[in-house]
Amino acid sequence: MQQEDLFAKYLVFGLAFGILIQAILNLCVVVGLIPVTGVTLPFLSYGGSSLLVSMASVGIILNVSRQSSAK
């Protein structure tokens, strides 16, 4: 939130929103609110490409965080 670069703010928001939506969809499927979609739970469910994208997203978020604290 304290990042001055507008692109970095939008990037972090988009990546965090993607992980959050993936988790919400998975939890809705588990509870039975929506039909099975095949979306894995971030960082917990088995899914090679999903895990890779989630880890890369968190890495980018941490890098942006580190860049904002270095200034």
PDB file of N, CA and C in Angstrom:
ATOM      1  N   MET A   1       0.811  -1.195   0.000  1.00  0.00           N
ATOM      2  CA  MET A   1       0.000   0.000   0.000  1.00  0.00           C
ATOM      3  C   MET A   1       0.857   1.261   0.000  1.00  0.00           C
ATOM      4  N   GLN A   2       2.090   1.165   0.505  1.00  0.00           N
ATOM      5  CA  GLN A   2       2.950   2.336   0.582  1.00  0.00           C
ATOM      6  C   GLN A   2       3.822   2.501  -0.654  1.00  0.00           C
ATOM      7  N   GLN A   3       3.668   1.634  -1.609  1.00  0.00           N
ATOM      8  CA  GLN A   3       4.450   1.702  -2.843  1.00  0.00           C
ATOM      9  C   GLN A   3       4.045   2.928  -3.643  1.00  0.00           C
ATOM     10  N   GLU A   4       5.039   3.695  -4.097  1.00  0.00           N
ATOM     11  CA  GLU A   4       4.747   4.902  -4.874  1.00  0.00           C
ATOM     12  C   GLU A   4       4.535   4.589  -6.351  1.00  0.00           C
ATOM     13  N   ASP A   5       5.142   3.515  -6.832  1.00  0.00           N
ATOM     14  CA  ASP A   5       5.031   3.136  -8.240  1.00  0.00           C
ATOM     15  C   ASP A   5       3.652   2.524  -8.485  1.00  0.00           C
ATOM     16  N   LEU A   6       2.879   3.159  -9.350  1.00  0.00           N
ATOM     17  CA  LEU A   6       1.509   2.707  -9.612  1.00  0.00           C
ATOM     18  C   LEU A   6       1.478   1.332 -10.268  1.00  0.00           C
ATOM     19  N   PHE A   7       2.430   1.060 -11.175  1.00  0.00           N
ATOM     20  CA  PHE A   7       2.483  -0.258 -11.812  1.00  0.00           C
ATOM     21  C   PHE A   7       2.729  -1.346 -10.776  1.00  0.00           C
ATOM     22  N   ALA A   8       3.622  -1.103  -9.833  1.00  0.00           N
ATOM     23  CA  ALA A   8       3.919  -2.100  -8.797  1.00  0.00           C
ATOM     24  C   ALA A   8       2.697  -2.355  -7.926  1.00  0.00           C
ATOM     25  N   LYS A   9       1.958  -1.303  -7.622  1.00  0.00           N
ATOM     26  CA  LYS A   9       0.730  -1.477  -6.831  1.00  0.00           C
ATOM     27  C   LYS A   9      -0.265  -2.378  -7.555  1.00  0.00           C
ATOM     28  N   TYR A  10      -0.484  -2.086  -8.836  1.00  0.00           N
ATOM     29  CA  TYR A  10      -1.435  -2.880  -9.611  1.00  0.00           C
ATOM     30  C   TYR A  10      -0.947  -4.314  -9.807  1.00  0.00           C
ATOM     31  N   LEU A  11       0.350  -4.491  -9.982  1.00  0.00           N
ATOM     32  CA  LEU A  11       0.911  -5.826 -10.145  1.00  0.00           C
ATOM     33  C   LEU A  11       0.684  -6.667  -8.902  1.00  0.00           C
ATOM     34  N   VAL A  12       1.005  -6.105  -7.748  1.00  0.00           N
ATOM     35  CA  VAL A  12       0.830  -6.838  -6.489  1.00  0.00           C
ATOM     36  C   VAL A  12      -0.648  -7.116  -6.228  1.00  0.00           C
ATOM     37  N   PHE A  13      -1.498  -6.137  -6.517  1.00  0.00           N
ATOM     38  CA  PHE A  13      -2.930  -6.357  -6.330  1.00  0.00           C
ATOM     39  C   PHE A  13      -3.430  -7.492  -7.217  1.00  0.00           C
ATOM     40  N   GLY A  14      -3.018  -7.498  -8.469  1.00  0.00           N
ATOM     41  CA  GLY A  14      -3.458  -8.538  -9.396  1.00  0.00           C
ATOM     42  C   GLY A  14      -2.983  -9.924  -8.997  1.00  0.00           C
ATOM     43  N   LEU A  15      -1.728 -10.032  -8.589  1.00  0.00           N
ATOM     44  CA  LEU A  15      -1.194 -11.331  -8.192  1.00  0.00           C
ATOM     45  C   LEU A  15      -1.853 -11.839  -6.911  1.00  0.00           C
ATOM     46  N   ALA A  16      -2.020 -10.951  -5.933  1.00  0.00           N
ATOM     47  CA  ALA A  16      -2.670 -11.351  -4.681  1.00  0.00           C
ATOM     48  C   ALA A  16      -4.136 -11.706  -4.921  1.00  0.00           C
ATOM     49  N   PHE A  17      -4.800 -10.947  -5.792  1.00  0.00           N
ATOM     50  CA  PHE A  17      -6.193 -11.224  -6.119  1.00  0.00           C
ATOM     51  C   PHE A  17      -6.331 -12.588  -6.803  1.00  0.00           C
ATOM     52  N   GLY A  18      -5.381 -12.920  -7.667  1.00  0.00           N
ATOM     53  CA  GLY A  18      -5.416 -14.221  -8.343  1.00  0.00           C
ATOM     54  C   GLY A  18      -5.296 -15.374  -7.366  1.00  0.00           C
ATOM     55  N   ILE A  19      -4.385 -15.265  -6.411  1.00  0.00           N
ATOM     56  CA  ILE A  19      -4.217 -16.315  -5.402  1.00  0.00           C
ATOM     57  C   ILE A  19      -5.466 -16.393  -4.517  1.00  0.00           C
ATOM     58  N   LEU A  20      -6.018 -15.235  -4.159  1.00  0.00           N
ATOM     59  CA  LEU A  20      -7.202 -15.211  -3.310  1.00  0.00           C
ATOM     60  C   LEU A  20      -8.414 -15.826  -4.009  1.00  0.00           C
ATOM     61  N   ILE A  21      -8.625 -15.498  -5.269  1.00  0.00           N
ATOM     62  CA  ILE A  21      -9.751 -16.063  -6.015  1.00  0.00           C
ATOM     63  C   ILE A  21      -9.604 -17.572  -6.144  1.00  0.00           C
ATOM     64  N   GLN A  22      -8.383 -18.044  -6.380  1.00  0.00           N
ATOM     65  CA  GLN A  22      -8.137 -19.478  -6.487  1.00  0.00           C
ATOM     66  C   GLN A  22      -8.494 -20.175  -5.174  1.00  0.00           C
ATOM     67  N   ALA A  23      -8.131 -19.588  -4.053  1.00  0.00           N
ATOM     68  CA  ALA A  23      -8.444 -20.177  -2.753  1.00  0.00           C
ATOM     69  C   ALA A  23      -9.944 -20.149  -2.481  1.00  0.00           C
ATOM     70  N   ILE A  24     -10.597 -19.039  -2.814  1.00  0.00           N
ATOM     71  CA  ILE A  24     -12.046 -18.932  -2.579  1.00  0.00           C
ATOM     72  C   ILE A  24     -12.807 -19.934  -3.433  1.00  0.00           C
ATOM     73  N   LEU A  25     -12.415 -20.085  -4.705  1.00  0.00           N
ATOM     74  CA  LEU A  25     -13.074 -21.075  -5.565  1.00  0.00           C
ATOM     75  C   LEU A  25     -12.920 -22.482  -5.010  1.00  0.00           C
ATOM     76  N   ASN A  26     -11.720 -22.818  -4.559  1.00  0.00           N
ATOM     77  CA  ASN A  26     -11.489 -24.157  -4.023  1.00  0.00           C
ATOM     78  C   ASN A  26     -12.322 -24.381  -2.772  1.00  0.00           C
ATOM     79  N   LEU A  27     -12.385 -23.406  -1.895  1.00  0.00           N
ATOM     80  CA  LEU A  27     -13.163 -23.564  -0.670  1.00  0.00           C
ATOM     81  C   LEU A  27     -14.659 -23.663  -0.959  1.00  0.00           C
ATOM     82  N   CYS A  28     -15.130 -22.938  -1.960  1.00  0.00           N
ATOM     83  CA  CYS A  28     -16.545 -23.050  -2.344  1.00  0.00           C
ATOM     84  C   CYS A  28     -16.867 -24.441  -2.886  1.00  0.00           C
ATOM     85  N   VAL A  29     -15.931 -25.027  -3.619  1.00  0.00           N
ATOM     86  CA  VAL A  29     -16.131 -26.388  -4.127  1.00  0.00           C
ATOM     87  C   VAL A  29     -16.154 -27.379  -2.972  1.00  0.00           C
ATOM     88  N   VAL A  30     -15.264 -27.216  -2.010  1.00  0.00           N
ATOM     89  CA  VAL A  30     -15.199 -28.131  -0.868  1.00  0.00           C
ATOM     90  C   VAL A  30     -16.474 -28.058  -0.038  1.00  0.00           C
ATOM     91  N   VAL A  31     -17.003 -26.867   0.144  1.00  0.00           N
ATOM     92  CA  VAL A  31     -18.232 -26.699   0.930  1.00  0.00           C
ATOM     93  C   VAL A  31     -19.452 -27.159   0.145  1.00  0.00           C
ATOM     94  N   GLY A  32     -19.364 -27.143  -1.189  1.00  0.00           N
ATOM     95  CA  GLY A  32     -20.459 -27.600  -2.017  1.00  0.00           C
ATOM     96  C   GLY A  32     -21.320 -26.470  -2.571  1.00  0.00           C
ATOM     97  N   LEU A  33     -20.805 -25.263  -2.535  1.00  0.00           N
ATOM     98  CA  LEU A  33     -21.576 -24.130  -3.041  1.00  0.00           C
ATOM     99  C   LEU A  33     -21.585 -24.055  -4.557  1.00  0.00           C
ATOM    100  N   ILE A  34     -20.503 -24.503  -5.195  1.00  0.00           N
ATOM    101  CA  ILE A  34     -20.398 -24.481  -6.658  1.00  0.00           C
ATOM    102  C   ILE A  34     -19.945 -25.861  -7.129  1.00  0.00           C
ATOM    103  N   PRO A  35     -20.202 -26.196  -8.387  1.00  0.00           N
ATOM    104  CA  PRO A  35     -19.761 -27.498  -8.889  1.00  0.00           C
ATOM    105  C   PRO A  35     -18.230 -27.570  -8.995  1.00  0.00           C
ATOM    106  N   VAL A  36     -17.743 -28.771  -9.099  1.00  0.00           N
ATOM    107  CA  VAL A  36     -16.300 -29.007  -9.158  1.00  0.00           C
ATOM    108  C   VAL A  36     -15.707 -28.319 -10.383  1.00  0.00           C
ATOM    109  N   THR A  37     -14.671 -27.487 -10.144  1.00  0.00           N
ATOM    110  CA  THR A  37     -14.045 -26.723 -11.219  1.00  0.00           C
ATOM    111  C   THR A  37     -12.647 -27.212 -11.543  1.00  0.00           C
ATOM    112  N   GLY A  38     -12.013 -27.919 -10.641  1.00  0.00           N
ATOM    113  CA  GLY A  38     -10.656 -28.399 -10.880  1.00  0.00           C
ATOM    114  C   GLY A  38      -9.582 -27.426 -10.467  1.00  0.00           C
ATOM    115  N   VAL A  39      -9.954 -26.362  -9.758  1.00  0.00           N
ATOM    116  CA  VAL A  39      -8.986 -25.378  -9.283  1.00  0.00           C
ATOM    117  C   VAL A  39      -8.346 -25.912  -8.008  1.00  0.00           C
ATOM    118  N   THR A  40      -7.019 -25.891  -7.958  1.00  0.00           N
ATOM    119  CA  THR A  40      -6.313 -26.412  -6.788  1.00  0.00           C
ATOM    120  C   THR A  40      -6.234 -25.353  -5.696  1.00  0.00           C
ATOM    121  N   LEU A  41      -6.058 -25.809  -4.459  1.00  0.00           N
ATOM    122  CA  LEU A  41      -5.864 -24.902  -3.333  1.00  0.00           C
ATOM    123  C   LEU A  41      -4.419 -24.430  -3.358  1.00  0.00           C
ATOM    124  N   PRO A  42      -4.188 -23.118  -3.390  1.00  0.00           N
ATOM    125  CA  PRO A  42      -2.810 -22.617  -3.499  1.00  0.00           C
ATOM    126  C   PRO A  42      -1.919 -23.126  -2.372  1.00  0.00           C
ATOM    127  N   PHE A  43      -0.752 -23.621  -2.741  1.00  0.00           N
ATOM    128  CA  PHE A  43       0.320 -24.080  -1.852  1.00  0.00           C
ATOM    129  C   PHE A  43       0.013 -25.378  -1.112  1.00  0.00           C
ATOM    130  N   LEU A  44      -1.179 -25.936  -1.221  1.00  0.00           N
ATOM    131  CA  LEU A  44      -1.494 -27.158  -0.489  1.00  0.00           C
ATOM    132  C   LEU A  44      -1.868 -28.320  -1.398  1.00  0.00           C
ATOM    133  N   SER A  45      -2.721 -28.101  -2.372  1.00  0.00           N
ATOM    134  CA  SER A  45      -3.171 -29.177  -3.244  1.00  0.00           C
ATOM    135  C   SER A  45      -2.082 -29.547  -4.238  1.00  0.00           C
ATOM    136  N   TYR A  46      -2.140 -30.772  -4.707  1.00  0.00           N
ATOM    137  CA  TYR A  46      -1.161 -31.220  -5.684  1.00  0.00           C
ATOM    138  C   TYR A  46      -1.505 -30.637  -7.039  1.00  0.00           C
ATOM    139  N   GLY A  47      -0.592 -29.901  -7.597  1.00  0.00           N
ATOM    140  CA  GLY A  47      -0.749 -29.325  -8.919  1.00  0.00           C
ATOM    141  C   GLY A  47       0.564 -28.664  -9.287  1.00  0.00           C
ATOM    142  N   GLY A  48       1.307 -29.256 -10.173  1.00  0.00           N
ATOM    143  CA  GLY A  48       2.650 -28.778 -10.481  1.00  0.00           C
ATOM    144  C   GLY A  48       2.672 -27.371 -11.045  1.00  0.00           C
ATOM    145  N   SER A  49       1.897 -27.126 -12.083  1.00  0.00           N
ATOM    146  CA  SER A  49       1.923 -25.797 -12.703  1.00  0.00           C
ATOM    147  C   SER A  49       1.253 -24.762 -11.805  1.00  0.00           C
ATOM    148  N   SER A  50       0.225 -25.151 -11.074  1.00  0.00           N
ATOM    149  CA  SER A  50      -0.433 -24.226 -10.159  1.00  0.00           C
ATOM    150  C   SER A  50       0.513 -23.827  -9.029  1.00  0.00           C
ATOM    151  N   LEU A  51       1.255 -24.788  -8.513  1.00  0.00           N
ATOM    152  CA  LEU A  51       2.211 -24.492  -7.453  1.00  0.00           C
ATOM    153  C   LEU A  51       3.324 -23.588  -7.963  1.00  0.00           C
ATOM    154  N   LEU A  52       3.778 -23.836  -9.174  1.00  0.00           N
ATOM    155  CA  LEU A  52       4.838 -23.025  -9.760  1.00  0.00           C
ATOM    156  C   LEU A  52       4.382 -21.579  -9.948  1.00  0.00           C
ATOM    157  N   VAL A  53       3.183 -21.376 -10.450  1.00  0.00           N
ATOM    158  CA  VAL A  53       2.658 -20.023 -10.656  1.00  0.00           C
ATOM    159  C   VAL A  53       2.421 -19.330  -9.319  1.00  0.00           C
ATOM    160  N   SER A  54       1.919 -20.046  -8.333  1.00  0.00           N
ATOM    161  CA  SER A  54       1.695 -19.448  -7.011  1.00  0.00           C
ATOM    162  C   SER A  54       3.009 -19.030  -6.370  1.00  0.00           C
ATOM    163  N   MET A  55       4.017 -19.879  -6.463  1.00  0.00           N
ATOM    164  CA  MET A  55       5.335 -19.546  -5.894  1.00  0.00           C
ATOM    165  C   MET A  55       5.958 -18.364  -6.619  1.00  0.00           C
ATOM    166  N   ALA A  56       5.830 -18.319  -7.928  1.00  0.00           N
ATOM    167  CA  ALA A  56       6.371 -17.193  -8.697  1.00  0.00           C
ATOM    168  C   ALA A  56       5.638 -15.904  -8.338  1.00  0.00           C
ATOM    169  N   SER A  57       4.336 -15.984  -8.138  1.00  0.00           N
ATOM    170  CA  SER A  57       3.554 -14.803  -7.758  1.00  0.00           C
ATOM    171  C   SER A  57       4.001 -14.265  -6.405  1.00  0.00           C
ATOM    172  N   VAL A  58       4.189 -15.140  -5.446  1.00  0.00           N
ATOM    173  CA  VAL A  58       4.639 -14.708  -4.130  1.00  0.00           C
ATOM    174  C   VAL A  58       6.056 -14.147  -4.209  1.00  0.00           C
ATOM    175  N   GLY A  59       6.894 -14.729  -5.050  1.00  0.00           N
ATOM    176  CA  GLY A  59       8.241 -14.202  -5.227  1.00  0.00           C
ATOM    177  C   GLY A  59       8.225 -12.788  -5.784  1.00  0.00           C
ATOM    178  N   ILE A  60       7.369 -12.535  -6.745  1.00  0.00           N
ATOM    179  CA  ILE A  60       7.260 -11.184  -7.319  1.00  0.00           C
ATOM    180  C   ILE A  60       6.719 -10.212  -6.272  1.00  0.00           C
ATOM    181  N   ILE A  61       5.730 -10.645  -5.499  1.00  0.00           N
ATOM    182  CA  ILE A  61       5.173  -9.789  -4.447  1.00  0.00           C
ATOM    183  C   ILE A  61       6.246  -9.441  -3.416  1.00  0.00           C
ATOM    184  N   LEU A  62       7.029 -10.437  -3.022  1.00  0.00           N
ATOM    185  CA  LEU A  62       8.105 -10.175  -2.051  1.00  0.00           C
ATOM    186  C   LEU A  62       9.169  -9.260  -2.621  1.00  0.00           C
ATOM    187  N   ASN A  63       9.470  -9.411  -3.909  1.00  0.00           N
ATOM    188  CA  ASN A  63      10.463  -8.542  -4.543  1.00  0.00           C
ATOM    189  C   ASN A  63       9.974  -7.099  -4.580  1.00  0.00           C
ATOM    190  N   VAL A  64       8.719  -6.890  -4.906  1.00  0.00           N
ATOM    191  CA  VAL A  64       8.171  -5.533  -4.913  1.00  0.00           C
ATOM    192  C   VAL A  64       8.191  -4.963  -3.506  1.00  0.00           C
ATOM    193  N   SER A  65       7.871  -5.787  -2.518  1.00  0.00           N
ATOM    194  CA  SER A  65       7.903  -5.344  -1.126  1.00  0.00           C
ATOM    195  C   SER A  65       9.319  -4.952  -0.718  1.00  0.00           C
ATOM    196  N   ARG A  66      10.275  -5.726  -1.106  1.00  0.00           N
ATOM    197  CA  ARG A  66      11.665  -5.427  -0.769  1.00  0.00           C
ATOM    198  C   ARG A  66      12.127  -4.148  -1.458  1.00  0.00           C
ATOM    199  N   GLN A  67      11.707  -3.930  -2.690  1.00  0.00           N
ATOM    200  CA  GLN A  67      12.100  -2.724  -3.414  1.00  0.00           C
ATOM    201  C   GLN A  67      11.498  -1.476  -2.767  1.00  0.00           C
ATOM    202  N   SER A  68      10.288  -1.588  -2.250  1.00  0.00           N
ATOM    203  CA  SER A  68       9.653  -0.409  -1.646  1.00  0.00           C
ATOM    204  C   SER A  68      10.274  -0.094  -0.295  1.00  0.00           C
ATOM    205  N   SER A  69      10.753  -1.092   0.440  1.00  0.00           N
ATOM    206  CA  SER A  69      11.360  -0.840   1.748  1.00  0.00           C
ATOM    207  C   SER A  69      12.801  -0.370   1.615  1.00  0.00           C
ATOM    208  N   ALA A  70      13.439  -0.601   0.459  1.00  0.00           N
ATOM    209  CA  ALA A  70      14.825  -0.190   0.252  1.00  0.00           C
ATOM    210  C   ALA A  70      14.948   1.296  -0.027  1.00  0.00           C
ATOM    211  N   LYS A  71      13.858   1.938  -0.433  1.00  0.00           N
ATOM    212  CA  LYS A  71      13.926   3.366  -0.790  1.00  0.00           C
ATOM    213  C   LYS A  71      13.946   4.263   0.418  1.00  0.00           C
TER     214      LYS A  71
END
